[in-house]
Amino acid sequence: MRVELVTTLKRQATRILADLHISKEPVLITEHGQPSAYLVDVDDFEFMQQRMELLESLARGEQAIKDGHTFSNEQAKKKMKKWLK
């Protein structure tokens, strides 16, 4: 992963973004020697967002099972009947 100073980003944003689009490698931006932000390619960011939504859905499903919010196969078929034509 590349690391760039925030001052370098200010001065060379066009070059850094061009490199990012070519390499697809995230860039860590530091401020006063501390991590401040990541620059990531748009496609990679959208992919990560989709993956996060899927993981959150799985976590909700696991919690529903733990809480006993489940249906039998027959109950599920009845609820899904309008979509399973």
Protein backbone atom coordinates (compact mmCIF):
# COMPACT_ATOMS: atom_id res chain seq x y z
CA MET A 1 0.00 0.00 0.00
CA ARG A 2 1.27 3.42 -0.90
CA VAL A 3 1.59 6.09 1.75
CA GLU A 4 1.48 9.77 0.89
CA LEU A 5 1.64 12.92 2.95
CA VAL A 6 -1.40 15.17 2.84
CA THR A 7 0.85 17.96 1.52
CA THR A 8 1.93 15.69 -1.36
CA LEU A 9 -1.73 14.98 -2.09
CA LYS A 10 -2.42 18.72 -2.20
CA ARG A 11 0.44 19.32 -4.63
CA GLN A 12 0.17 16.22 -6.78
CA ALA A 13 -3.47 15.10 -6.57
CA THR A 14 -3.79 14.56 -10.33
CA ARG A 15 -0.74 12.28 -10.47
CA ILE A 16 -1.73 10.37 -7.33
CA LEU A 17 -5.25 9.80 -8.66
CA ALA A 18 -3.93 8.72 -12.07
CA ASP A 19 -1.61 6.21 -10.39
CA LEU A 20 -4.48 5.00 -8.22
CA HIS A 21 -6.69 4.33 -11.24
CA ILE A 22 -3.91 2.38 -12.96
CA SER A 23 -2.61 0.36 -9.99
CA LYS A 24 -5.92 -0.01 -8.08
CA GLU A 25 -3.73 0.09 -4.96
CA PRO A 26 -5.20 2.07 -2.04
CA VAL A 27 -3.25 5.12 -0.89
CA LEU A 28 -2.94 5.91 2.81
CA ILE A 29 -2.86 9.66 3.42
CA THR A 30 -1.00 10.76 6.53
CA GLU A 31 -1.23 14.03 8.42
CA HIS A 32 1.45 14.97 10.95
CA GLY A 33 2.80 11.42 10.72
CA GLN A 34 -0.56 9.83 11.58
CA PRO A 35 -2.94 7.94 9.28
CA SER A 36 -5.72 10.28 8.19
CA ALA A 37 -7.59 8.77 5.23
CA TYR A 38 -7.51 6.19 2.48
CA LEU A 39 -7.92 6.89 -1.20
CA VAL A 40 -9.45 3.95 -3.03
CA ASP A 41 -10.60 3.37 -6.58
CA VAL A 42 -14.36 3.93 -7.08
CA ASP A 43 -14.98 0.38 -8.35
CA ASP A 44 -13.13 -1.08 -5.36
CA PHE A 45 -15.06 1.13 -2.95
CA GLU A 46 -18.41 0.10 -4.46
CA PHE A 47 -17.38 -3.57 -4.29
CA MET A 48 -16.47 -3.15 -0.60
CA GLN A 49 -19.82 -1.46 0.07
CA GLN A 50 -21.70 -4.35 -1.55
CA ARG A 51 -19.67 -6.87 0.43
CA MET A 52 -20.38 -4.95 3.66
CA GLU A 53 -24.12 -4.95 2.95
CA LEU A 54 -24.01 -8.71 2.40
CA LEU A 55 -22.08 -9.28 5.63
CA GLU A 56 -24.51 -7.09 7.56
CA SER A 57 -27.44 -9.06 6.13
CA LEU A 58 -25.80 -12.32 7.21
CA ALA A 59 -25.22 -10.92 10.70
CA ARG A 60 -28.90 -9.89 10.94
CA GLY A 61 -29.92 -13.39 9.85
CA GLU A 62 -27.67 -15.01 12.43
CA GLN A 63 -29.08 -12.74 15.14
CA ALA A 64 -32.64 -13.59 14.06
CA ILE A 65 -31.82 -17.29 14.44
CA LYS A 66 -30.34 -16.69 17.91
CA ASP A 67 -33.46 -14.72 18.88
CA GLY A 68 -35.73 -17.51 17.66
CA HIS A 69 -37.22 -15.48 14.81
CA THR A 70 -37.40 -18.39 12.38
CA PHE A 71 -40.06 -20.09 10.25
CA SER A 72 -40.65 -23.71 9.42
CA ASN A 73 -40.29 -24.72 5.80
CA GLU A 74 -44.07 -24.72 5.38
CA GLN A 75 -44.44 -21.28 6.98
CA ALA A 76 -41.72 -19.92 4.72
CA LYS A 77 -43.39 -21.40 1.64
CA LYS A 78 -46.67 -19.73 2.57
CA LYS A 79 -44.99 -16.36 3.10
CA MET A 80 -43.01 -16.66 -0.15
CA LYS A 81 -45.84 -18.10 -2.26
CA LYS A 82 -46.48 -14.84 -4.11
CA TRP A 83 -42.82 -14.73 -5.25
CA LEU A 84 -42.47 -18.46 -6.02
CA LYS A 85 -44.99 -18.73 -8.87
